[in-house]
Amino acid sequence: EGPLQAESGFKQVKGRLKRLCGGPTKKPLHETWADLPLQSIDDTKIDHWITIQRGKSKWSDKTAKLWLNDIAQVLEHAKRRKWVVRNISRDVPKIEVRNEEIPEILADDVVEPLFAALPTHVRIVMGILLDTGLRLSELFRLVWADVDTKARQLTVRNREERTKSGKFRLVPLTSSAAATFDDLRSGSEWNLLE
């Protein structure tokens, strides 16, 4: 709720506006929104545009829902700034994400040869990501103070303190991930081998 979150919120809205409308040096992704006054946008225009794009660009339910969310967030910002009377996107029918085909999980006998082909440093990073479920950016923001291999947990902090949400979360470590971190902390020679 402080200035950092306000700045972050503004950057997100600005990013959404650029995606929708473009900018001085950037063409809009979709010409529809480039010269359209905010006050002229209504729920039927939004719904019609999404329907056309779904047919033309073969959008999945998830992609259509993301675009509707972008439009809703931009209009919500416009409402707070009193550029529009209300956020008309709230009247657009909700897009339900149907159960799309879930990819098949690779079996160990398929994963092992893939891992064997990777350079050692990539294998280590991929192993940690698979064992912990961390995002790559979260892994790269970790510092040694966040890694407790005795208690078998990682502390993933917010962006100001190295994570995304403003809070922290604890991530359990498997025995192999803990051993990997212990090996790295003790000065493993993997980086000297390649």
C-alpha atoms as a PDB file:
ATOM      1  CA  GLU A   1       0.000   0.000   0.000  1.00  0.00           C
ATOM      2  CA  GLY A   2       3.035   2.278  -0.030  1.00  0.00           C
ATOM      3  CA  PRO A   3       4.755   4.167  -2.827  1.00  0.00           C
ATOM      4  CA  LEU A   4       6.571   1.071  -4.128  1.00  0.00           C
ATOM      5  CA  GLN A   5       3.304  -0.818  -4.681  1.00  0.00           C
ATOM      6  CA  ALA A   6       1.694   2.275  -6.261  1.00  0.00           C
ATOM      7  CA  GLU A   7       4.658   2.576  -8.635  1.00  0.00           C
ATOM      8  CA  SER A   8       4.445  -1.142  -9.436  1.00  0.00           C
ATOM      9  CA  GLY A   9       0.690  -0.835 -10.114  1.00  0.00           C
ATOM     10  CA  PHE A  10       1.290   2.157 -12.393  1.00  0.00           C
ATOM     11  CA  LYS A  11       3.962   0.242 -14.344  1.00  0.00           C
ATOM     12  CA  GLN A  12       1.538  -2.669 -14.857  1.00  0.00           C
ATOM     13  CA  VAL A  13      -1.210  -0.353 -16.152  1.00  0.00           C
ATOM     14  CA  LYS A  14       1.310   1.444 -18.389  1.00  0.00           C
ATOM     15  CA  GLY A  15       2.452  -1.927 -19.782  1.00  0.00           C
ATOM     16  CA  ARG A  16      -1.143  -2.934 -20.489  1.00  0.00           C
ATOM     17  CA  LEU A  17      -1.839   0.400 -22.181  1.00  0.00           C
ATOM     18  CA  LYS A  18       1.223  -0.033 -24.416  1.00  0.00           C
ATOM     19  CA  ARG A  19       0.108  -3.551 -25.379  1.00  0.00           C
ATOM     20  CA  LEU A  20      -3.376  -2.308 -26.247  1.00  0.00           C
ATOM     21  CA  CYS A  21      -2.747   1.153 -27.674  1.00  0.00           C
ATOM     22  CA  GLY A  22       0.921   1.350 -28.550  1.00  0.00           C
ATOM     23  CA  GLY A  23       2.976   4.447 -27.844  1.00  0.00           C
ATOM     24  CA  PRO A  24       4.960   7.201 -29.537  1.00  0.00           C
ATOM     25  CA  THR A  25       7.449   4.723 -31.000  1.00  0.00           C
ATOM     26  CA  LYS A  26       5.487   1.479 -30.724  1.00  0.00           C
ATOM     27  CA  LYS A  27       2.565   0.327 -32.858  1.00  0.00           C
ATOM     28  CA  PRO A  28      -0.382  -1.126 -30.961  1.00  0.00           C
ATOM     29  CA  LEU A  29      -0.713  -4.883 -31.020  1.00  0.00           C
ATOM     30  CA  HIS A  30      -4.304  -4.384 -32.130  1.00  0.00           C
ATOM     31  CA  GLU A  31      -5.207  -1.282 -34.174  1.00  0.00           C
ATOM     32  CA  THR A  32      -8.754  -1.381 -32.761  1.00  0.00           C
ATOM     33  CA  TRP A  33      -7.702   0.388 -29.565  1.00  0.00           C
ATOM     34  CA  ALA A  34      -5.182   2.901 -30.982  1.00  0.00           C
ATOM     35  CA  ASP A  35      -7.422   5.934 -31.615  1.00  0.00           C
ATOM     36  CA  LEU A  36     -10.535   4.880 -29.725  1.00  0.00           C
ATOM     37  CA  PRO A  37     -11.587   7.357 -26.996  1.00  0.00           C
ATOM     38  CA  LEU A  38     -12.042   5.601 -23.661  1.00  0.00           C
ATOM     39  CA  GLN A  39     -15.547   7.042 -23.212  1.00  0.00           C
ATOM     40  CA  SER A  40     -16.686   5.397 -26.456  1.00  0.00           C
ATOM     41  CA  ILE A  41     -15.760   1.868 -25.341  1.00  0.00           C
ATOM     42  CA  ASP A  42     -18.712  -0.239 -24.272  1.00  0.00           C
ATOM     43  CA  ASP A  43     -19.176  -3.881 -23.325  1.00  0.00           C
ATOM     44  CA  THR A  44     -20.461  -4.874 -26.782  1.00  0.00           C
ATOM     45  CA  LYS A  45     -17.357  -3.415 -28.492  1.00  0.00           C
ATOM     46  CA  ILE A  46     -15.098  -5.334 -26.113  1.00  0.00           C
ATOM     47  CA  ASP A  47     -17.057  -8.590 -26.467  1.00  0.00           C
ATOM     48  CA  HIS A  48     -17.227  -8.227 -30.270  1.00  0.00           C
ATOM     49  CA  TRP A  49     -13.475  -7.537 -30.514  1.00  0.00           C
ATOM     50  CA  ILE A  50     -12.604 -10.571 -28.366  1.00  0.00           C
ATOM     51  CA  THR A  51     -14.937 -12.791 -30.440  1.00  0.00           C
ATOM     52  CA  ILE A  52     -13.311 -11.620 -33.703  1.00  0.00           C
ATOM     53  CA  GLN A  53      -9.785 -12.095 -32.333  1.00  0.00           C
ATOM     54  CA  ARG A  54     -10.613 -15.573 -31.037  1.00  0.00           C
ATOM     55  CA  GLY A  55     -11.726 -16.591 -34.520  1.00  0.00           C
ATOM     56  CA  LYS A  56      -8.954 -14.821 -36.414  1.00  0.00           C
ATOM     57  CA  SER A  57      -6.007 -15.542 -34.119  1.00  0.00           C
ATOM     58  CA  LYS A  58      -7.221 -18.900 -32.737  1.00  0.00           C
ATOM     59  CA  TRP A  59      -6.981 -17.662 -29.137  1.00  0.00           C
ATOM     60  CA  SER A  60      -7.405 -20.212 -26.388  1.00  0.00           C
ATOM     61  CA  ASP A  61      -9.853 -19.465 -23.548  1.00  0.00           C
ATOM     62  CA  LYS A  62      -6.904 -18.516 -21.387  1.00  0.00           C
ATOM     63  CA  THR A  63      -5.521 -15.988 -23.896  1.00  0.00           C
ATOM     64  CA  ALA A  64      -8.952 -14.386 -24.369  1.00  0.00           C
ATOM     65  CA  LYS A  65      -9.368 -14.143 -20.598  1.00  0.00           C
ATOM     66  CA  LEU A  66      -5.925 -12.484 -20.261  1.00  0.00           C
ATOM     67  CA  TRP A  67      -6.820  -9.867 -22.884  1.00  0.00           C
ATOM     68  CA  LEU A  68     -10.167  -9.166 -21.197  1.00  0.00           C
ATOM     69  CA  ASN A  69      -8.310  -8.782 -17.902  1.00  0.00           C
ATOM     70  CA  ASP A  70      -5.876  -6.295 -19.503  1.00  0.00           C
ATOM     71  CA  ILE A  71      -8.785  -4.222 -20.830  1.00  0.00           C
ATOM     72  CA  ALA A  72     -10.550  -4.387 -17.444  1.00  0.00           C
ATOM     73  CA  GLN A  73      -7.420  -3.237 -15.601  1.00  0.00           C
ATOM     74  CA  VAL A  74      -6.847  -0.309 -17.990  1.00  0.00           C
ATOM     75  CA  LEU A  75     -10.490   0.788 -17.645  1.00  0.00           C
ATOM     76  CA  GLU A  76     -10.334   0.377 -13.859  1.00  0.00           C
ATOM     77  CA  HIS A  77      -7.326   2.710 -13.811  1.00  0.00           C
ATOM     78  CA  ALA A  78      -9.242   5.149 -16.055  1.00  0.00           C
ATOM     79  CA  LYS A  79     -12.202   5.056 -13.640  1.00  0.00           C
ATOM     80  CA  ARG A  80      -9.969   5.815 -10.641  1.00  0.00           C
ATOM     81  CA  ARG A  81      -8.508   8.772 -12.545  1.00  0.00           C
ATOM     82  CA  LYS A  82     -12.095   9.876 -13.411  1.00  0.00           C
ATOM     83  CA  TRP A  83     -11.444   9.568 -17.159  1.00  0.00           C
ATOM     84  CA  VAL A  84     -14.536   7.334 -17.436  1.00  0.00           C
ATOM     85  CA  VAL A  85     -17.651   7.146 -15.273  1.00  0.00           C
ATOM     86  CA  ARG A  86     -17.496   3.389 -14.752  1.00  0.00           C
ATOM     87  CA  ASN A  87     -15.571   0.311 -15.825  1.00  0.00           C
ATOM     88  CA  ILE A  88     -17.839  -0.985 -18.585  1.00  0.00           C
ATOM     89  CA  SER A  89     -15.695  -4.122 -19.044  1.00  0.00           C
ATOM     90  CA  ARG A  90     -17.374  -5.549 -15.930  1.00  0.00           C
ATOM     91  CA  ASP A  91     -20.499  -6.067 -18.091  1.00  0.00           C
ATOM     92  CA  VAL A  92     -18.672  -8.268 -20.614  1.00  0.00           C
ATOM     93  CA  PRO A  93     -19.618 -11.926 -20.128  1.00  0.00           C
ATOM     94  CA  LYS A  94     -16.942 -13.766 -18.147  1.00  0.00           C
ATOM     95  CA  ILE A  95     -14.699 -16.096 -20.122  1.00  0.00           C
ATOM     96  CA  GLU A  96     -14.585 -19.540 -18.599  1.00  0.00           C
ATOM     97  CA  VAL A  97     -11.371 -21.431 -19.168  1.00  0.00           C
ATOM     98  CA  ARG A  98     -12.366 -24.928 -20.210  1.00  0.00           C
ATOM     99  CA  ASN A  99     -10.211 -27.857 -19.304  1.00  0.00           C
ATOM    100  CA  GLU A 100      -7.646 -27.646 -22.026  1.00  0.00           C
ATOM    101  CA  GLU A 101      -5.546 -30.677 -22.753  1.00  0.00           C
ATOM    102  CA  ILE A 102      -2.991 -31.158 -20.004  1.00  0.00           C
ATOM    103  CA  PRO A 103       0.408 -32.170 -21.324  1.00  0.00           C
ATOM    104  CA  GLU A 104       1.587 -35.624 -20.406  1.00  0.00           C
ATOM    105  CA  ILE A 105       4.194 -35.770 -17.636  1.00  0.00           C
ATOM    106  CA  LEU A 106       7.486 -37.143 -18.884  1.00  0.00           C
ATOM    107  CA  ALA A 107       8.530 -40.459 -17.398  1.00  0.00           C
ATOM    108  CA  ASP A 108      11.890 -40.823 -15.625  1.00  0.00           C
ATOM    109  CA  ASP A 109      13.302 -42.921 -18.451  1.00  0.00           C
ATOM    110  CA  VAL A 110      12.665 -39.985 -20.833  1.00  0.00           C
ATOM    111  CA  VAL A 111      13.853 -37.236 -18.455  1.00  0.00           C
ATOM    112  CA  GLU A 112      17.158 -38.893 -17.498  1.00  0.00           C
ATOM    113  CA  PRO A 113      18.666 -38.898 -21.032  1.00  0.00           C
ATOM    114  CA  LEU A 114      17.507 -35.285 -21.506  1.00  0.00           C
ATOM    115  CA  PHE A 115      19.221 -34.241 -18.280  1.00  0.00           C
ATOM    116  CA  ALA A 116      22.365 -36.191 -19.200  1.00  0.00           C
ATOM    117  CA  ALA A 117      22.658 -34.150 -22.405  1.00  0.00           C
ATOM    118  CA  LEU A 118      22.610 -30.826 -20.521  1.00  0.00           C
ATOM    119  CA  PRO A 119      25.736 -29.014 -19.381  1.00  0.00           C
ATOM    120  CA  THR A 120      26.282 -29.528 -15.652  1.00  0.00           C
ATOM    121  CA  HIS A 121      25.372 -25.983 -14.592  1.00  0.00           C
ATOM    122  CA  VAL A 122      22.069 -26.169 -16.534  1.00  0.00           C
ATOM    123  CA  ARG A 123      21.346 -29.606 -15.058  1.00  0.00           C
ATOM    124  CA  ILE A 124      21.799 -28.150 -11.546  1.00  0.00           C
ATOM    125  CA  VAL A 125      19.472 -25.216 -12.231  1.00  0.00           C
ATOM    126  CA  MET A 126      16.831 -27.447 -13.853  1.00  0.00           C
ATOM    127  CA  GLY A 127      17.049 -29.969 -11.009  1.00  0.00           C
ATOM    128  CA  ILE A 128      16.460 -27.251  -8.396  1.00  0.00           C
ATOM    129  CA  LEU A 129      13.536 -25.810 -10.394  1.00  0.00           C
ATOM    130  CA  LEU A 130      11.929 -29.236 -10.764  1.00  0.00           C
ATOM    131  CA  ASP A 131      12.433 -30.156  -7.097  1.00  0.00           C
ATOM    132  CA  THR A 132      11.201 -26.850  -5.655  1.00  0.00           C
ATOM    133  CA  GLY A 133       8.681 -25.522  -8.178  1.00  0.00           C
ATOM    134  CA  LEU A 134      10.367 -22.098  -8.056  1.00  0.00           C
ATOM    135  CA  ARG A 135      10.169 -19.649 -10.929  1.00  0.00           C
ATOM    136  CA  LEU A 136      13.534 -19.046 -12.564  1.00  0.00           C
ATOM    137  CA  SER A 137      13.480 -15.403 -11.401  1.00  0.00           C
ATOM    138  CA  GLU A 138      12.814 -16.550  -7.812  1.00  0.00           C
ATOM    139  CA  LEU A 139      15.772 -18.928  -7.943  1.00  0.00           C
ATOM    140  CA  PHE A 140      18.073 -16.172  -9.223  1.00  0.00           C
ATOM    141  CA  ARG A 141      16.923 -13.785  -6.462  1.00  0.00           C
ATOM    142  CA  LEU A 142      17.832 -16.243  -3.692  1.00  0.00           C
ATOM    143  CA  VAL A 143      20.714 -15.421  -1.382  1.00  0.00           C
ATOM    144  CA  TRP A 144      22.380 -17.873   0.976  1.00  0.00           C
ATOM    145  CA  ALA A 145      20.443 -16.447   3.955  1.00  0.00           C
ATOM    146  CA  ASP A 146      17.249 -17.745   2.242  1.00  0.00           C
ATOM    147  CA  VAL A 147      18.545 -21.325   2.057  1.00  0.00           C
ATOM    148  CA  ASP A 148      18.161 -23.482   5.186  1.00  0.00           C
ATOM    149  CA  THR A 149      19.176 -27.014   4.273  1.00  0.00           C
ATOM    150  CA  LYS A 150      19.025 -28.227   7.893  1.00  0.00           C
ATOM    151  CA  ALA A 151      15.346 -27.254   8.190  1.00  0.00           C
ATOM    152  CA  ARG A 152      14.969 -28.235   4.517  1.00  0.00           C
ATOM    153  CA  GLN A 153      13.307 -25.015   3.367  1.00  0.00           C
ATOM    154  CA  LEU A 154      13.834 -21.930   1.222  1.00  0.00           C
ATOM    155  CA  THR A 155      12.483 -18.478   2.060  1.00  0.00           C
ATOM    156  CA  VAL A 156      11.211 -16.778  -1.071  1.00  0.00           C
ATOM    157  CA  ARG A 157      10.823 -13.047  -0.371  1.00  0.00           C
ATOM    158  CA  ASN A 158       8.939 -10.204  -2.052  1.00  0.00           C
ATOM    159  CA  ARG A 159      10.373  -8.058  -4.843  1.00  0.00           C
ATOM    160  CA  GLU A 160      11.703  -5.328  -2.568  1.00  0.00           C
ATOM    161  CA  GLU A 161      13.204  -8.113  -0.515  1.00  0.00           C
ATOM    162  CA  ARG A 162      13.809 -10.307  -3.600  1.00  0.00           C
ATOM    163  CA  THR A 163      10.294 -11.702  -4.531  1.00  0.00           C
ATOM    164  CA  LYS A 164       7.137 -10.849  -6.450  1.00  0.00           C
ATOM    165  CA  SER A 165       4.164 -10.479  -4.094  1.00  0.00           C
ATOM    166  CA  GLY A 166       5.161  -8.268  -1.173  1.00  0.00           C
ATOM    167  CA  LYS A 167       5.275 -11.167   1.276  1.00  0.00           C
ATOM    168  CA  PHE A 168       7.394 -14.244   1.677  1.00  0.00           C
ATOM    169  CA  ARG A 169       6.683 -17.936   1.397  1.00  0.00           C
ATOM    170  CA  LEU A 170       8.477 -21.018   2.578  1.00  0.00           C
ATOM    171  CA  VAL A 171       9.321 -23.682   0.026  1.00  0.00           C
ATOM    172  CA  PRO A 172      10.182 -27.177   1.257  1.00  0.00           C
ATOM    173  CA  LEU A 173      13.398 -28.737  -0.015  1.00  0.00           C
ATOM    174  CA  THR A 174      13.678 -32.349  -1.081  1.00  0.00           C
ATOM    175  CA  SER A 175      16.749 -34.221   0.133  1.00  0.00           C
ATOM    176  CA  SER A 176      18.310 -34.016  -3.353  1.00  0.00           C
ATOM    177  CA  ALA A 177      17.679 -30.226  -3.616  1.00  0.00           C
ATOM    178  CA  ALA A 178      19.135 -29.726  -0.108  1.00  0.00           C
ATOM    179  CA  ALA A 179      22.196 -31.791  -1.092  1.00  0.00           C
ATOM    180  CA  THR A 180      22.599 -29.701  -4.260  1.00  0.00           C
ATOM    181  CA  PHE A 181      22.494 -26.451  -2.272  1.00  0.00           C
ATOM    182  CA  ASP A 182      24.962 -27.857   0.293  1.00  0.00           C
ATOM    183  CA  ASP A 183      27.287 -28.877  -2.521  1.00  0.00           C
ATOM    184  CA  LEU A 184      27.060 -25.407  -4.104  1.00  0.00           C
ATOM    185  CA  ARG A 185      27.568 -23.656  -0.768  1.00  0.00           C
ATOM    186  CA  SER A 186      30.671 -25.684   0.000  1.00  0.00           C
ATOM    187  CA  GLY A 187      32.324 -24.597  -3.256  1.00  0.00           C
ATOM    188  CA  SER A 188      31.414 -27.415  -5.615  1.00  0.00           C
ATOM    189  CA  GLU A 189      33.780 -27.729  -8.545  1.00  0.00           C
ATOM    190  CA  TRP A 190      31.047 -28.091 -11.195  1.00  0.00           C
ATOM    191  CA  ASN A 191      31.791 -24.661 -12.626  1.00  0.00           C
ATOM    192  CA  LEU A 192      35.460 -25.501 -13.055  1.00  0.00           C
ATOM    193  CA  LEU A 193      34.692 -28.626 -15.036  1.00  0.00           C
ATOM    194  CA  GLU A 194      33.051 -26.814 -17.954  1.00  0.00           C
END
